[in-house]
Amino acid sequence: KMDSDQGKLFVGGISWETTEEKLKDHFGQYGDVMQANIMRDKATGRPRGFGFVLFSDPSVVDRVLQDTQTIDGRTPEVLFALTRLLIAFACLNESGERCSSSEMRVPTKS
């Protein structure tokens, strides 16, 4: 369902030590976090260094994106999850291969 993704953020470049509980606590200062997921390697179970946070109130997302986040000493890249998917999709379409993360940076609203 598309609507549920309105409050979803991609969090990239997090430490392997960062837990889902830690993500939930950190982003909980902005509003109610329904879900925090850290993506893991299916074979090894090791964290892949990124995850997703889902807020129950999508209006919180703008405030989060305006701040620089620091979690476990890292400054992760925090993006609106849908935007990142659309960019990734656009990159795939254009060249047939995935773009580097630098190409996937979203222009910030001035």
N, C-alpha and C. Protein backbone atom coordinates (compact mmCIF):
# COMPACT_ATOMS: atom_id res chain seq x y z
N LYS A 1 0.85 -1.20 0.00
CA LYS A 1 0.00 0.00 0.00
C LYS A 1 0.88 1.24 0.00
N MET A 2 0.63 2.12 -0.93
CA MET A 2 1.47 3.29 -1.11
C MET A 2 1.44 4.22 0.10
N ASP A 3 0.27 4.43 0.67
CA ASP A 3 0.10 5.40 1.75
C ASP A 3 1.04 5.14 2.93
N SER A 4 1.25 3.88 3.26
CA SER A 4 2.06 3.54 4.43
C SER A 4 3.51 3.99 4.25
N ASP A 5 3.95 4.17 3.00
CA ASP A 5 5.33 4.57 2.74
C ASP A 5 5.55 6.07 2.88
N GLN A 6 4.47 6.83 3.07
CA GLN A 6 4.62 8.29 3.19
C GLN A 6 5.49 8.68 4.38
N GLY A 7 5.45 7.90 5.44
CA GLY A 7 6.22 8.21 6.64
C GLY A 7 7.51 7.42 6.76
N LYS A 8 7.97 6.87 5.63
CA LYS A 8 9.11 5.96 5.66
C LYS A 8 10.40 6.66 5.23
N LEU A 9 11.45 6.46 6.02
CA LEU A 9 12.76 7.04 5.70
C LEU A 9 13.79 5.94 5.51
N PHE A 10 14.67 6.17 4.54
CA PHE A 10 15.84 5.33 4.33
C PHE A 10 16.98 5.90 5.17
N VAL A 11 17.66 5.04 5.91
CA VAL A 11 18.80 5.48 6.73
C VAL A 11 20.02 4.67 6.29
N GLY A 12 20.97 5.34 5.63
CA GLY A 12 22.12 4.64 5.08
C GLY A 12 23.42 5.04 5.75
N GLY A 13 24.38 4.15 5.75
CA GLY A 13 25.68 4.45 6.34
C GLY A 13 25.69 4.37 7.85
N ILE A 14 24.88 3.46 8.39
CA ILE A 14 24.87 3.29 9.85
C ILE A 14 25.91 2.25 10.26
N SER A 15 26.36 2.37 11.49
CA SER A 15 27.36 1.45 12.03
C SER A 15 26.77 0.04 12.16
N TRP A 16 27.62 -0.95 12.06
CA TRP A 16 27.17 -2.34 12.25
C TRP A 16 26.71 -2.58 13.68
N GLU A 17 27.16 -1.70 14.59
CA GLU A 17 26.77 -1.84 16.00
C GLU A 17 25.35 -1.31 16.24
N THR A 18 24.85 -0.49 15.33
CA THR A 18 23.55 0.14 15.53
C THR A 18 22.43 -0.91 15.46
N THR A 19 21.60 -0.92 16.48
CA THR A 19 20.50 -1.88 16.54
C THR A 19 19.19 -1.22 16.11
N GLU A 20 18.19 -2.03 15.87
CA GLU A 20 16.87 -1.51 15.51
C GLU A 20 16.29 -0.72 16.68
N GLU A 21 16.60 -1.18 17.87
CA GLU A 21 16.14 -0.49 19.08
C GLU A 21 16.74 0.92 19.14
N LYS A 22 18.01 1.00 18.78
CA LYS A 22 18.72 2.29 18.79
C LYS A 22 18.10 3.24 17.76
N LEU A 23 17.81 2.72 16.58
CA LEU A 23 17.17 3.53 15.54
C LEU A 23 15.83 4.05 16.04
N LYS A 24 15.08 3.15 16.65
CA LYS A 24 13.74 3.50 17.14
C LYS A 24 13.83 4.59 18.21
N ASP A 25 14.78 4.43 19.12
CA ASP A 25 14.99 5.42 20.18
C ASP A 25 15.40 6.77 19.59
N HIS A 26 16.35 6.72 18.67
CA HIS A 26 16.89 7.96 18.10
C HIS A 26 15.80 8.75 17.37
N PHE A 27 15.09 8.08 16.48
CA PHE A 27 14.08 8.78 15.69
C PHE A 27 12.80 9.02 16.46
N GLY A 28 12.66 8.32 17.58
CA GLY A 28 11.50 8.50 18.44
C GLY A 28 11.39 9.90 19.03
N GLN A 29 12.50 10.65 19.01
CA GLN A 29 12.45 12.03 19.52
C GLN A 29 11.63 12.93 18.60
N TYR A 30 11.39 12.49 17.37
CA TYR A 30 10.61 13.29 16.42
C TYR A 30 9.13 12.93 16.43
N GLY A 31 8.84 11.70 16.78
CA GLY A 31 7.46 11.25 16.76
C GLY A 31 7.40 9.74 16.91
N ASP A 32 6.21 9.20 16.86
CA ASP A 32 6.00 7.77 17.07
C ASP A 32 6.58 6.95 15.92
N VAL A 33 7.56 6.10 16.25
CA VAL A 33 8.16 5.22 15.25
C VAL A 33 7.43 3.87 15.28
N MET A 34 6.75 3.57 14.18
CA MET A 34 6.00 2.32 14.12
C MET A 34 6.94 1.13 13.90
N GLN A 35 7.98 1.38 13.11
CA GLN A 35 8.85 0.29 12.71
C GLN A 35 10.26 0.80 12.46
N ALA A 36 11.24 0.03 12.87
CA ALA A 36 12.63 0.32 12.51
C ALA A 36 13.24 -1.00 12.06
N ASN A 37 13.73 -1.03 10.84
CA ASN A 37 14.31 -2.27 10.30
C ASN A 37 15.73 -2.02 9.83
N ILE A 38 16.62 -2.90 10.20
CA ILE A 38 17.98 -2.87 9.66
C ILE A 38 18.10 -4.04 8.70
N MET A 39 18.53 -3.74 7.48
CA MET A 39 18.64 -4.79 6.47
C MET A 39 19.88 -5.65 6.75
N ARG A 40 19.70 -6.95 6.64
CA ARG A 40 20.79 -7.88 6.91
C ARG A 40 21.10 -8.75 5.70
N ASP A 41 22.32 -9.18 5.65
CA ASP A 41 22.74 -10.12 4.61
C ASP A 41 22.04 -11.45 4.87
N LYS A 42 21.35 -11.96 3.87
CA LYS A 42 20.57 -13.20 4.08
C LYS A 42 21.46 -14.38 4.44
N ALA A 43 22.64 -14.43 3.84
CA ALA A 43 23.53 -15.57 4.07
C ALA A 43 24.19 -15.52 5.44
N THR A 44 24.74 -14.35 5.80
CA THR A 44 25.55 -14.26 7.02
C THR A 44 24.79 -13.68 8.20
N GLY A 45 23.67 -12.98 7.92
CA GLY A 45 22.92 -12.34 9.00
C GLY A 45 23.57 -11.04 9.48
N ARG A 46 24.66 -10.66 8.83
CA ARG A 46 25.34 -9.43 9.23
C ARG A 46 24.60 -8.21 8.70
N PRO A 47 24.58 -7.12 9.49
CA PRO A 47 23.91 -5.89 9.05
C PRO A 47 24.58 -5.36 7.77
N ARG A 48 23.78 -4.79 6.88
CA ARG A 48 24.31 -4.29 5.62
C ARG A 48 24.58 -2.78 5.66
N GLY A 49 24.38 -2.18 6.85
CA GLY A 49 24.74 -0.78 7.00
C GLY A 49 23.66 0.21 6.60
N PHE A 50 22.44 -0.31 6.39
CA PHE A 50 21.33 0.60 6.13
C PHE A 50 20.03 0.00 6.63
N GLY A 51 19.04 0.86 6.74
CA GLY A 51 17.75 0.38 7.21
C GLY A 51 16.65 1.38 6.90
N PHE A 52 15.49 1.12 7.45
CA PHE A 52 14.32 1.97 7.22
C PHE A 52 13.63 2.27 8.54
N VAL A 53 13.09 3.48 8.62
CA VAL A 53 12.32 3.88 9.80
C VAL A 53 10.96 4.34 9.31
N LEU A 54 9.92 3.87 9.96
CA LEU A 54 8.56 4.23 9.55
C LEU A 54 7.86 4.98 10.69
N PHE A 55 7.48 6.22 10.39
CA PHE A 55 6.74 7.04 11.38
C PHE A 55 5.24 6.89 11.17
N SER A 56 4.50 6.89 12.27
CA SER A 56 3.05 6.80 12.14
C SER A 56 2.48 8.10 11.58
N ASP A 57 3.18 9.22 11.82
CA ASP A 57 2.73 10.51 11.30
C ASP A 57 3.71 11.01 10.23
N PRO A 58 3.31 10.96 8.96
CA PRO A 58 4.20 11.32 7.85
C PRO A 58 4.70 12.77 7.92
N SER A 59 4.00 13.64 8.62
CA SER A 59 4.42 15.05 8.66
C SER A 59 5.73 15.23 9.44
N VAL A 60 6.10 14.22 10.21
CA VAL A 60 7.33 14.25 10.99
C VAL A 60 8.57 14.21 10.08
N VAL A 61 8.41 13.54 8.94
CA VAL A 61 9.51 13.27 8.03
C VAL A 61 10.29 14.54 7.64
N ASP A 62 9.57 15.62 7.33
CA ASP A 62 10.23 16.87 6.93
C ASP A 62 11.18 17.38 8.01
N ARG A 63 10.73 17.31 9.25
CA ARG A 63 11.56 17.78 10.36
C ARG A 63 12.83 16.95 10.49
N VAL A 64 12.68 15.65 10.34
CA VAL A 64 13.83 14.75 10.44
C VAL A 64 14.85 15.07 9.36
N LEU A 65 14.36 15.30 8.14
CA LEU A 65 15.25 15.55 7.01
C LEU A 65 15.98 16.88 7.12
N GLN A 66 15.44 17.81 7.89
CA GLN A 66 16.08 19.12 8.05
C GLN A 66 17.26 19.05 9.01
N ASP A 67 17.28 18.06 9.88
CA ASP A 67 18.35 17.94 10.87
C ASP A 67 19.44 17.00 10.39
N THR A 68 20.66 17.24 10.88
CA THR A 68 21.73 16.27 10.67
C THR A 68 21.66 15.26 11.80
N GLN A 69 21.60 13.98 11.44
CA GLN A 69 21.46 12.93 12.45
C GLN A 69 22.84 12.37 12.79
N THR A 70 23.05 12.06 14.06
CA THR A 70 24.25 11.35 14.47
C THR A 70 23.83 10.15 15.30
N ILE A 71 24.19 8.96 14.82
CA ILE A 71 23.82 7.73 15.51
C ILE A 71 25.08 6.88 15.70
N ASP A 72 25.39 6.55 16.93
CA ASP A 72 26.59 5.76 17.24
C ASP A 72 27.84 6.34 16.58
N GLY A 73 27.96 7.66 16.62
CA GLY A 73 29.16 8.31 16.09
C GLY A 73 29.20 8.45 14.58
N ARG A 74 28.19 7.96 13.90
CA ARG A 74 28.13 8.08 12.44
C ARG A 74 27.11 9.15 12.07
N THR A 75 27.30 9.74 10.90
CA THR A 75 26.29 10.65 10.36
C THR A 75 25.69 9.96 9.13
N PRO A 76 24.58 9.26 9.33
CA PRO A 76 24.00 8.50 8.23
C PRO A 76 23.33 9.41 7.20
N GLU A 77 23.16 8.88 6.02
CA GLU A 77 22.40 9.57 4.99
C GLU A 77 20.94 9.21 5.22
N VAL A 78 20.13 10.23 5.44
CA VAL A 78 18.71 9.99 5.69
C VAL A 78 17.92 10.58 4.54
N LEU A 79 17.15 9.74 3.86
CA LEU A 79 16.38 10.17 2.70
C LEU A 79 14.95 9.69 2.81
N PHE A 80 14.06 10.42 2.17
CA PHE A 80 12.68 9.96 2.04
C PHE A 80 12.71 8.67 1.22
N ALA A 81 12.21 7.59 1.76
CA ALA A 81 12.38 6.27 1.13
C ALA A 81 11.83 6.22 -0.29
N LEU A 82 10.67 6.82 -0.51
CA LEU A 82 10.08 6.80 -1.85
C LEU A 82 10.96 7.53 -2.86
N THR A 83 11.53 8.66 -2.45
CA THR A 83 12.39 9.43 -3.33
C THR A 83 13.57 8.57 -3.77
N ARG A 84 14.15 7.87 -2.81
CA ARG A 84 15.32 7.06 -3.12
C ARG A 84 14.96 5.94 -4.10
N LEU A 85 13.81 5.35 -3.91
CA LEU A 85 13.37 4.29 -4.83
C LEU A 85 13.18 4.84 -6.23
N LEU A 86 12.56 6.01 -6.30
CA LEU A 86 12.31 6.60 -7.62
C LEU A 86 13.62 6.94 -8.32
N ILE A 87 14.59 7.45 -7.56
CA ILE A 87 15.88 7.80 -8.14
C ILE A 87 16.60 6.54 -8.60
N ALA A 88 16.58 5.53 -7.78
CA ALA A 88 17.23 4.27 -8.12
C ALA A 88 16.60 3.71 -9.40
N PHE A 89 15.30 3.81 -9.48
CA PHE A 89 14.57 3.30 -10.63
C PHE A 89 14.94 4.10 -11.89
N ALA A 90 15.01 5.42 -11.74
CA ALA A 90 15.37 6.28 -12.86
C ALA A 90 16.78 5.97 -13.34
N CYS A 91 17.69 5.75 -12.40
CA CYS A 91 19.08 5.43 -12.75
C CYS A 91 19.15 4.12 -13.50
N LEU A 92 18.40 3.15 -13.02
CA LEU A 92 18.39 1.84 -13.67
C LEU A 92 17.89 1.97 -15.10
N ASN A 93 16.83 2.75 -15.27
CA ASN A 93 16.25 2.89 -16.60
C ASN A 93 17.21 3.56 -17.58
N GLU A 94 17.92 4.57 -17.06
CA GLU A 94 18.75 5.37 -17.93
C GLU A 94 19.91 4.59 -18.52
N SER A 95 20.65 3.90 -17.67
CA SER A 95 21.89 3.27 -18.14
C SER A 95 21.84 1.75 -18.07
N GLY A 96 20.78 1.23 -17.46
CA GLY A 96 20.68 -0.22 -17.33
C GLY A 96 21.54 -0.77 -16.20
N GLU A 97 22.25 0.13 -15.51
CA GLU A 97 22.99 -0.34 -14.34
C GLU A 97 22.73 0.59 -13.17
N ARG A 98 23.06 0.13 -11.99
CA ARG A 98 22.75 0.92 -10.79
C ARG A 98 23.70 2.09 -10.66
N CYS A 99 23.19 3.19 -10.15
CA CYS A 99 24.06 4.35 -9.97
C CYS A 99 24.79 4.26 -8.65
N SER A 100 25.86 5.00 -8.56
CA SER A 100 26.60 5.08 -7.30
C SER A 100 25.81 5.92 -6.32
N SER A 101 26.13 5.81 -5.05
CA SER A 101 25.36 6.53 -4.04
C SER A 101 25.49 8.04 -4.23
N SER A 102 26.62 8.50 -4.79
CA SER A 102 26.78 9.95 -4.97
C SER A 102 25.77 10.47 -6.01
N GLU A 103 25.46 9.64 -7.00
CA GLU A 103 24.48 10.04 -8.01
C GLU A 103 23.06 9.99 -7.45
N MET A 104 22.92 9.27 -6.33
CA MET A 104 21.58 9.09 -5.78
C MET A 104 21.22 10.15 -4.76
N ARG A 105 22.11 11.12 -4.55
CA ARG A 105 21.79 12.18 -3.60
C ARG A 105 20.66 13.03 -4.13
N VAL A 106 19.74 13.32 -3.25
CA VAL A 106 18.56 14.09 -3.63
C VAL A 106 18.86 15.58 -3.44
N PRO A 107 18.54 16.41 -4.43
CA PRO A 107 18.74 17.85 -4.23
C PRO A 107 17.93 18.31 -3.04
N THR A 108 18.55 19.07 -2.17
CA THR A 108 17.81 19.53 -0.99
C THR A 108 16.93 20.71 -1.35
N LYS A 109 15.78 20.78 -0.72
CA LYS A 109 14.87 21.90 -0.95
C LYS A 109 15.51 23.15 -0.37
N SER A 110 15.55 24.22 -1.16
CA SER A 110 16.16 25.45 -0.64
C SER A 110 15.14 26.25 0.14
